[in-house]
C-alpha atoms as a PDB file:
ATOM      1  CA  MET A   1      90.561-325.404-103.357  1.00  0.00           C
ATOM      2  CA  LYS A   2      90.748-322.082-105.187  1.00  0.00           C
ATOM      3  CA  TYR A   3      88.819-320.395-102.362  1.00  0.00           C
ATOM      4  CA  ILE A   4      91.089-321.870 -99.694  1.00  0.00           C
ATOM      5  CA  ILE A   5      94.177-320.473-101.435  1.00  0.00           C
ATOM      6  CA  LEU A   6      92.470-317.103-101.859  1.00  0.00           C
ATOM      7  CA  LEU A   7      91.380-317.068 -98.202  1.00  0.00           C
ATOM      8  CA  THR A   8      94.881-318.039 -97.009  1.00  0.00           C
ATOM      9  CA  THR A   9      96.460-315.289 -99.121  1.00  0.00           C
ATOM     10  CA  PHE A  10      93.971-312.708 -97.842  1.00  0.00           C
ATOM     11  CA  LEU A  11      94.482-313.686 -94.187  1.00  0.00           C
ATOM     12  CA  SER A  12      98.279-313.638 -94.453  1.00  0.00           C
ATOM     13  CA  CYS A  13      98.174-310.162 -96.042  1.00  0.00           C
ATOM     14  CA  PHE A  14      95.721-308.957 -93.390  1.00  0.00           C
ATOM     15  CA  TYR A  15      97.912-310.350 -90.584  1.00  0.00           C
ATOM     16  CA  GLY A  16     100.926-308.511 -92.043  1.00  0.00           C
ATOM     17  CA  CYS A  17      99.020-305.231 -91.728  1.00  0.00           C
ATOM     18  CA  ILE A  18      97.849-305.692 -88.134  1.00  0.00           C
ATOM     19  CA  ARG A  19     100.608-307.676 -86.484  1.00  0.00           C
ATOM     20  CA  PRO A  20     102.347-305.940 -83.593  1.00  0.00           C
ATOM     21  CA  CYS A  21     105.700-304.313 -84.154  1.00  0.00           C
ATOM     22  CA  ILE A  22     108.716-306.222 -82.924  1.00  0.00           C
ATOM     23  CA  GLU A  23     111.335-303.571 -83.708  1.00  0.00           C
ATOM     24  CA  PRO A  24     113.160-301.778 -80.883  1.00  0.00           C
ATOM     25  CA  ARG A  25     111.648-298.681 -79.289  1.00  0.00           C
ATOM     26  CA  GLY A  26     113.168-296.349 -81.834  1.00  0.00           C
ATOM     27  CA  ILE A  27     114.653-292.985 -80.978  1.00  0.00           C
ATOM     28  CA  GLU A  28     112.928-292.978 -77.599  1.00  0.00           C
ATOM     29  CA  GLY A  29     115.597-295.486 -76.522  1.00  0.00           C
ATOM     30  CA  ALA A  30     118.531-293.802 -78.262  1.00  0.00           C
ATOM     31  CA  GLY A  31     121.091-291.533 -76.668  1.00  0.00           C
ATOM     32  CA  LEU A  32     124.691-290.385 -76.734  1.00  0.00           C
ATOM     33  CA  THR A  33     127.849-292.333 -75.890  1.00  0.00           C
ATOM     34  CA  ILE A  34     130.743-290.048 -75.007  1.00  0.00           C
ATOM     35  CA  LYS A  35     134.442-290.448 -74.231  1.00  0.00           C
ATOM     36  CA  PHE A  36     135.560-287.353 -72.325  1.00  0.00           C
ATOM     37  CA  PHE A  37     139.098-286.226 -73.177  1.00  0.00           C
ATOM     38  CA  HIS A  38     141.152-283.469 -71.524  1.00  0.00           C
ATOM     39  CA  THR A  39     143.303-281.948 -74.279  1.00  0.00           C
ATOM     40  CA  ALA A  40     145.544-279.905 -71.954  1.00  0.00           C
ATOM     41  CA  ASN A  41     146.509-283.004 -69.935  1.00  0.00           C
ATOM     42  CA  ASP A  42     146.388-285.352 -72.944  1.00  0.00           C
ATOM     43  CA  GLN A  43     144.327-287.929 -71.051  1.00  0.00           C
ATOM     44  CA  TYR A  44     140.778-289.194 -70.748  1.00  0.00           C
ATOM     45  CA  PHE A  45     138.675-287.855 -67.893  1.00  0.00           C
ATOM     46  CA  TYR A  46     137.465-291.212 -66.631  1.00  0.00           C
ATOM     47  CA  THR A  47     140.062-293.975 -66.598  1.00  0.00           C
ATOM     48  CA  GLU A  48     139.817-297.384 -65.008  1.00  0.00           C
ATOM     49  CA  ASN A  49     142.369-296.227 -62.429  1.00  0.00           C
ATOM     50  CA  PRO A  50     140.674-293.354 -60.536  1.00  0.00           C
ATOM     51  CA  ASN A  51     144.089-292.018 -59.418  1.00  0.00           C
ATOM     52  CA  LEU A  52     144.846-291.130 -63.058  1.00  0.00           C
ATOM     53  CA  SER A  53     141.513-289.377 -63.598  1.00  0.00           C
ATOM     54  CA  PRO A  54     141.232-285.597 -63.280  1.00  0.00           C
ATOM     55  CA  PHE A  55     137.558-286.001 -62.264  1.00  0.00           C
ATOM     56  CA  ARG A  56     135.556-288.548 -60.310  1.00  0.00           C
ATOM     57  CA  LEU A  57     132.932-290.437 -62.265  1.00  0.00           C
ATOM     58  CA  ASP A  58     130.491-290.304 -59.353  1.00  0.00           C
ATOM     59  CA  SER A  59     130.602-286.474 -59.470  1.00  0.00           C
ATOM     60  CA  LEU A  60     129.334-286.364 -63.067  1.00  0.00           C
ATOM     61  CA  LYS A  61     125.837-284.856 -63.464  1.00  0.00           C
ATOM     62  CA  ILE A  62     124.125-284.334 -66.813  1.00  0.00           C
ATOM     63  CA  LEU A  63     120.925-282.326 -67.280  1.00  0.00           C
ATOM     64  CA  ASP A  64     118.774-281.473 -70.282  1.00  0.00           C
ATOM     65  CA  SER A  65     117.396-278.062 -71.289  1.00  0.00           C
ATOM     66  CA  ARG A  66     114.516-278.404 -68.830  1.00  0.00           C
ATOM     67  CA  GLY A  67     116.809-279.192 -65.908  1.00  0.00           C
ATOM     68  CA  LYS A  68     115.891-282.885 -65.874  1.00  0.00           C
ATOM     69  CA  LEU A  69     118.692-285.172 -64.676  1.00  0.00           C
ATOM     70  CA  LEU A  70     119.469-287.667 -67.454  1.00  0.00           C
ATOM     71  CA  ASN A  71     120.484-291.305 -67.079  1.00  0.00           C
ATOM     72  CA  THR A  72     124.235-291.806 -67.387  1.00  0.00           C
ATOM     73  CA  PRO A  73     125.192-295.484 -67.517  1.00  0.00           C
ATOM     74  CA  THR A  74     128.884-296.184 -68.007  1.00  0.00           C
ATOM     75  CA  GLY A  75     130.750-298.709 -70.105  1.00  0.00           C
ATOM     76  CA  ILE A  76     134.390-299.733 -70.453  1.00  0.00           C
ATOM     77  CA  ASP A  77     136.405-299.199 -73.627  1.00  0.00           C
ATOM     78  CA  GLN A  78     140.085-299.334 -74.579  1.00  0.00           C
ATOM     79  CA  ASP A  79     142.228-296.241 -74.709  1.00  0.00           C
ATOM     80  CA  HIS A  80     143.154-296.294 -78.409  1.00  0.00           C
ATOM     81  CA  ARG A  81     146.521-294.673 -77.599  1.00  0.00           C
ATOM     82  CA  ASN A  82     147.419-297.300 -74.994  1.00  0.00           C
ATOM     83  CA  PRO A  83     145.492-300.583 -75.414  1.00  0.00           C
ATOM     84  CA  LEU A  84     146.526-301.730 -71.920  1.00  0.00           C
ATOM     85  CA  ARG A  85     144.518-298.887 -70.362  1.00  0.00           C
ATOM     86  CA  LYS A  86     140.772-298.906 -70.012  1.00  0.00           C
ATOM     87  CA  ILE A  87     138.554-295.839 -70.020  1.00  0.00           C
ATOM     88  CA  TYR A  88     134.940-295.270 -69.095  1.00  0.00           C
ATOM     89  CA  THR A  89     132.444-294.195 -71.723  1.00  0.00           C
ATOM     90  CA  VAL A  90     129.348-292.385 -70.529  1.00  0.00           C
ATOM     91  CA  GLY A  91     125.934-293.005 -72.028  1.00  0.00           C
ATOM     92  CA  ILE A  92     123.371-290.226 -71.892  1.00  0.00           C
ATOM     93  CA  TYR A  93     119.684-290.916 -72.407  1.00  0.00           C
ATOM     94  CA  PRO A  94     116.905-290.276 -73.125  1.00  0.00           C
ATOM     95  CA  ILE A  95     117.626-287.575 -75.663  1.00  0.00           C
ATOM     96  CA  PHE A  96     114.269-287.739 -77.430  1.00  0.00           C
ATOM     97  CA  ILE A  97     111.305-287.398 -75.069  1.00  0.00           C
ATOM     98  CA  PRO A  98     108.013-287.688 -76.995  1.00  0.00           C
ATOM     99  CA  SER A  99     106.041-285.365 -74.711  1.00  0.00           C
ATOM    100  CA  ASP A 100     108.710-282.635 -74.991  1.00  0.00           C
ATOM    101  CA  ASP A 101     109.862-283.185 -78.568  1.00  0.00           C
ATOM    102  CA  GLU A 102     106.632-283.581 -80.574  1.00  0.00           C
ATOM    103  CA  GLU A 103     107.594-280.583 -82.765  1.00  0.00           C
ATOM    104  CA  ALA A 104     110.672-282.483 -83.996  1.00  0.00           C
ATOM    105  CA  PHE A 105     108.381-284.388 -86.374  1.00  0.00           C
ATOM    106  CA  ASN A 106     107.493-281.099 -88.109  1.00  0.00           C
ATOM    107  CA  SER A 107     110.692-279.050 -87.983  1.00  0.00           C
ATOM    108  CA  GLU A 108     114.319-279.043 -86.851  1.00  0.00           C
ATOM    109  CA  GLN A 109     114.704-278.733 -83.087  1.00  0.00           C
ATOM    110  CA  SER A 110     117.594-277.834 -80.786  1.00  0.00           C
ATOM    111  CA  LYS A 111     118.251-278.972 -77.257  1.00  0.00           C
ATOM    112  CA  TRP A 112     121.013-278.160 -74.786  1.00  0.00           C
ATOM    113  CA  ILE A 113     122.744-280.763 -72.625  1.00  0.00           C
ATOM    114  CA  TYR A 114     124.549-279.437 -69.544  1.00  0.00           C
ATOM    115  CA  ILE A 115     127.482-281.513 -68.286  1.00  0.00           C
ATOM    116  CA  TYR A 116     128.786-280.922 -64.762  1.00  0.00           C
ATOM    117  CA  TYR A 117     132.070-282.740 -64.158  1.00  0.00           C
ATOM    118  CA  ASN A 118     132.163-281.379 -60.606  1.00  0.00           C
ATOM    119  CA  ARG A 119     130.920-278.241 -58.835  1.00  0.00           C
ATOM    120  CA  THR A 120     133.287-275.901 -60.677  1.00  0.00           C
ATOM    121  CA  THR A 121     133.824-277.452 -64.122  1.00  0.00           C
ATOM    122  CA  SER A 122     131.113-277.803 -66.741  1.00  0.00           C
ATOM    123  CA  ASP A 123     130.457-278.096 -70.469  1.00  0.00           C
ATOM    124  CA  THR A 124     127.522-277.654 -72.800  1.00  0.00           C
ATOM    125  CA  LEU A 125     126.434-279.644 -75.829  1.00  0.00           C
ATOM    126  CA  LYS A 126     123.932-278.468 -78.397  1.00  0.00           C
ATOM    127  CA  LEU A 127     121.887-281.161 -80.111  1.00  0.00           C
ATOM    128  CA  VAL A 128     120.133-280.418 -83.393  1.00  0.00           C
ATOM    129  CA  TYR A 129     117.702-283.011 -84.721  1.00  0.00           C
ATOM    130  CA  LYS A 130     114.667-283.798 -86.820  1.00  0.00           C
ATOM    131  CA  ALA A 131     112.518-286.875 -86.346  1.00  0.00           C
ATOM    132  CA  ARG A 132     110.191-288.883 -88.560  1.00  0.00           C
ATOM    133  CA  LYS A 133     107.227-290.995 -87.507  1.00  0.00           C
ATOM    134  CA  GLU A 134     107.358-294.552 -88.751  1.00  0.00           C
ATOM    135  CA  LYS A 135     104.837-297.375 -88.388  1.00  0.00           C
ATOM    136  CA  CYS A 136     106.645-299.305 -85.681  1.00  0.00           C
ATOM    137  CA  ALA A 137     109.369-297.021 -84.362  1.00  0.00           C
ATOM    138  CA  ASN A 138     110.161-293.348 -84.759  1.00  0.00           C
ATOM    139  CA  LYS A 139     113.542-292.463 -86.230  1.00  0.00           C
ATOM    140  CA  TYR A 140     115.942-289.561 -86.476  1.00  0.00           C
ATOM    141  CA  GLU A 141     116.235-288.065 -89.929  1.00  0.00           C
ATOM    142  CA  TYR A 142     119.390-286.612 -88.421  1.00  0.00           C
ATOM    143  CA  LEU A 143     120.937-285.943 -85.021  1.00  0.00           C
ATOM    144  CA  LYS A 144     123.954-283.640 -84.703  1.00  0.00           C
ATOM    145  CA  ALA A 145     125.966-282.759 -81.606  1.00  0.00           C
ATOM    146  CA  TYR A 146     127.899-279.500 -81.274  1.00  0.00           C
ATOM    147  CA  HIS A 147     130.468-278.536 -78.650  1.00  0.00           C
ATOM    148  CA  ARG A 148     131.661-274.927 -78.633  1.00  0.00           C
ATOM    149  CA  GLU A 149     130.008-274.377 -82.037  1.00  0.00           C
ATOM    150  CA  GLN A 150     132.005-277.283 -83.558  1.00  0.00           C
ATOM    151  CA  LEU A 151     130.281-280.389 -84.926  1.00  0.00           C
ATOM    152  CA  VAL A 152     131.510-283.366 -82.859  1.00  0.00           C
ATOM    153  CA  GLY A 153     129.171-286.096 -84.087  1.00  0.00           C
ATOM    154  CA  GLU A 154     126.239-286.844 -86.365  1.00  0.00           C
ATOM    155  CA  ILE A 155     124.020-289.723 -87.456  1.00  0.00           C
ATOM    156  CA  TYR A 156     121.365-289.993 -90.143  1.00  0.00           C
ATOM    157  CA  ASN A 157     118.277-292.204 -90.583  1.00  0.00           C
ATOM    158  CA  SER A 158     118.736-293.879 -87.222  1.00  0.00           C
ATOM    159  CA  TYR A 159     116.103-295.728 -85.196  1.00  0.00           C
ATOM    160  CA  HIS A 160     117.862-296.540 -81.941  1.00  0.00           C
ATOM    161  CA  GLU A 161     121.571-296.146 -82.571  1.00  0.00           C
ATOM    162  CA  ASN A 162     123.528-294.094 -80.048  1.00  0.00           C
ATOM    163  CA  LEU A 163     125.524-291.156 -81.354  1.00  0.00           C
ATOM    164  CA  GLU A 164     129.125-291.905 -80.290  1.00  0.00           C
ATOM    165  CA  PHE A 165     131.922-289.341 -80.122  1.00  0.00           C
ATOM    166  CA  THR A 166     134.902-288.086 -78.112  1.00  0.00           C
ATOM    167  CA  LEU A 167     134.356-284.772 -76.351  1.00  0.00           C
ATOM    168  CA  ASN A 168     137.568-282.735 -76.117  1.00  0.00           C
ATOM    169  CA  HIS A 169     137.550-280.389 -73.141  1.00  0.00           C
END
């Protein structure tokens, strides 16, 4: 009986060391979620009613530092100033690309995100981040977003959480 208990304990500990990870993908699946706001017009760029929007959502193009077109899924959120209005949020991913960002595990890295609202209007974000390798999923030690040299959002010790912020243009 003593040996059966010992064997069961050993096998359960061994299984805990080799079992596959069931956590999410980690930072490889994380991105940004942005609400675009036009300060001069005091309105969001992408509203549910396209007639009220200064830009068309289907004209939006977002590229990374290497010129790669990023995925930009949209979601609906409430306009906090007028709860009866809906606005579109724009997701941007992937931000962390393992083949491009391997150095982020050793030192702080920077990356530029180029936002083209249409052919004549654009913006730039600077992302500063450091990553850490974990057993099951890599994580950000920190991820910071800057717009015009101003910090607009930051997260710390995050596995797969999107960095959410409002971008004032």
